[in-house]
Amino acid sequence: MSSQLASLVDDLCAAFAEERTAIAALDHTRIEELASRKHALAGEMVSLCDRSPESRLLVERVRIEARANALLAQMAGDAIRSLLGIDTNGYDRRAKPITSQMARIRVTY
């Protein structure tokens, strides 16, 4: 069972690596495809996990990959908002950025 779990974790980490490439390329279609794949792999992974130290290390590896992708996606979104001229004016009660009501888009001819 541990080898099956390790194989699933390897597949899931490969999907995360592909997702980082898709995020960097802003390939929305590929990101959606990979989300479905990751969801299926994660479901299989949950059924094989136990409380052993080996399982915990494998789950930690997946968590690190997921966090890296989340940070990259956030940075990509921030970069796009910056390019579009959408400013953040602060944070709400849940520490989420508040954007200005009117987006400034600079157009040059």
Protein backbone atom coordinates (compact mmCIF):
# COMPACT_ATOMS: atom_id res chain seq x y z
CA MET A 1 0.00 0.00 0.00
CA SER A 2 2.86 2.40 0.75
CA SER A 3 4.28 1.96 -2.75
CA GLN A 4 0.84 2.73 -4.23
CA LEU A 5 0.64 5.88 -2.10
CA ALA A 6 4.15 6.92 -3.11
CA SER A 7 3.25 6.41 -6.78
CA LEU A 8 0.10 8.52 -6.39
CA VAL A 9 2.09 11.26 -4.64
CA ASP A 10 4.62 11.23 -7.48
CA ASP A 11 1.77 11.59 -10.01
CA LEU A 12 0.19 14.37 -7.98
CA CYS A 13 3.49 16.24 -7.65
CA ALA A 14 3.98 15.91 -11.42
CA ALA A 15 0.51 17.40 -11.93
CA PHE A 16 1.46 20.30 -9.65
CA ALA A 17 4.63 20.87 -11.69
CA GLU A 18 2.59 20.89 -14.92
CA GLU A 19 0.16 23.30 -13.30
CA ARG A 20 2.97 25.74 -12.46
CA THR A 21 3.93 25.73 -16.14
CA ALA A 22 0.30 26.35 -17.12
CA ILE A 23 -0.01 29.18 -14.59
CA ALA A 24 3.15 30.81 -15.91
CA ALA A 25 1.74 30.57 -19.45
CA LEU A 26 -1.72 31.76 -18.28
CA ASP A 27 -3.20 28.65 -19.94
CA HIS A 28 -6.64 28.56 -18.33
CA THR A 29 -7.79 25.47 -20.22
CA ARG A 30 -4.79 23.42 -19.09
CA ILE A 31 -5.20 24.65 -15.51
CA GLU A 32 -8.82 23.41 -15.53
CA GLU A 33 -7.77 20.01 -16.93
CA LEU A 34 -5.09 19.64 -14.29
CA ALA A 35 -7.52 20.61 -11.52
CA SER A 36 -9.72 17.64 -12.47
CA ARG A 37 -6.72 15.34 -12.58
CA LYS A 38 -5.45 16.55 -9.20
CA HIS A 39 -8.90 16.11 -7.67
CA ALA A 40 -9.07 12.48 -8.84
CA LEU A 41 -5.54 11.72 -7.63
CA ALA A 42 -6.19 13.36 -4.26
CA GLY A 43 -9.32 11.24 -3.80
CA GLU A 44 -7.31 8.08 -4.41
CA MET A 45 -4.57 9.33 -2.11
CA VAL A 46 -6.99 9.89 0.77
CA SER A 47 -8.21 6.31 0.56
CA LEU A 48 -4.64 5.00 0.89
CA CYS A 49 -3.38 7.30 3.66
CA ASP A 50 -2.92 6.09 7.20
CA ARG A 51 -1.24 7.61 10.24
CA SER A 52 2.20 6.14 9.58
CA PRO A 53 5.27 8.41 9.49
CA GLU A 54 5.83 7.47 5.83
CA SER A 55 2.33 8.62 4.91
CA ARG A 56 2.78 11.87 6.80
CA LEU A 57 5.98 12.62 4.90
CA LEU A 58 4.25 11.97 1.58
CA VAL A 59 1.30 14.17 2.52
CA GLU A 60 3.73 16.92 3.58
CA ARG A 61 5.38 16.71 0.16
CA VAL A 62 2.00 17.26 -1.51
CA ARG A 63 1.22 20.15 0.83
CA ILE A 64 4.48 21.88 -0.10
CA GLU A 65 3.72 21.49 -3.82
CA ALA A 66 0.18 22.82 -3.35
CA ARG A 67 1.44 25.84 -1.42
CA ALA A 68 3.99 26.65 -4.14
CA ASN A 69 1.24 26.60 -6.76
CA ALA A 70 -1.05 28.74 -4.64
CA LEU A 71 1.66 31.37 -4.22
CA LEU A 72 2.42 31.36 -7.94
CA ALA A 73 -1.27 31.72 -8.81
CA GLN A 74 -1.62 34.62 -6.37
CA MET A 75 1.42 36.36 -7.81
CA ALA A 76 0.12 35.86 -11.36
CA GLY A 77 -3.21 37.39 -10.38
CA ASP A 78 -1.48 40.33 -8.72
CA ALA A 79 0.65 40.87 -11.83
CA ILE A 80 -2.39 40.85 -14.10
CA ARG A 81 -4.25 43.29 -11.84
CA SER A 82 -1.19 45.54 -11.87
CA LEU A 83 -0.98 45.42 -15.67
CA LEU A 84 -4.67 46.31 -15.89
CA GLY A 85 -4.15 49.20 -13.49
CA ILE A 86 -6.39 47.80 -10.77
CA ASP A 87 -5.14 49.05 -7.42
CA THR A 88 -5.69 47.46 -4.04
CA ASN A 89 -6.71 49.96 -1.39
CA GLY A 90 -6.31 47.85 1.73
CA TYR A 91 -7.86 44.82 3.37
CA ASP A 92 -11.29 43.84 4.65
CA ARG A 93 -12.08 42.11 7.96
CA ARG A 94 -10.98 38.76 6.53
CA ALA A 95 -7.63 40.16 5.34
CA LYS A 96 -8.69 39.99 1.70
CA PRO A 97 -7.48 42.80 -0.57
CA ILE A 98 -10.07 45.44 -1.40
CA THR A 99 -9.84 46.73 -4.95
CA SER A 100 -10.87 50.16 -6.11
CA GLN A 101 -14.29 50.46 -7.72
CA MET A 102 -12.99 51.89 -10.96
CA ALA A 103 -10.19 50.16 -12.77
CA ARG A 104 -7.73 52.39 -14.55
CA ILE A 105 -6.77 51.01 -17.91
CA ARG A 106 -4.08 52.91 -19.75
CA VAL A 107 -4.41 52.88 -23.50
CA THR A 108 -1.78 54.28 -25.80
CA TYR A 109 -2.07 54.76 -29.53
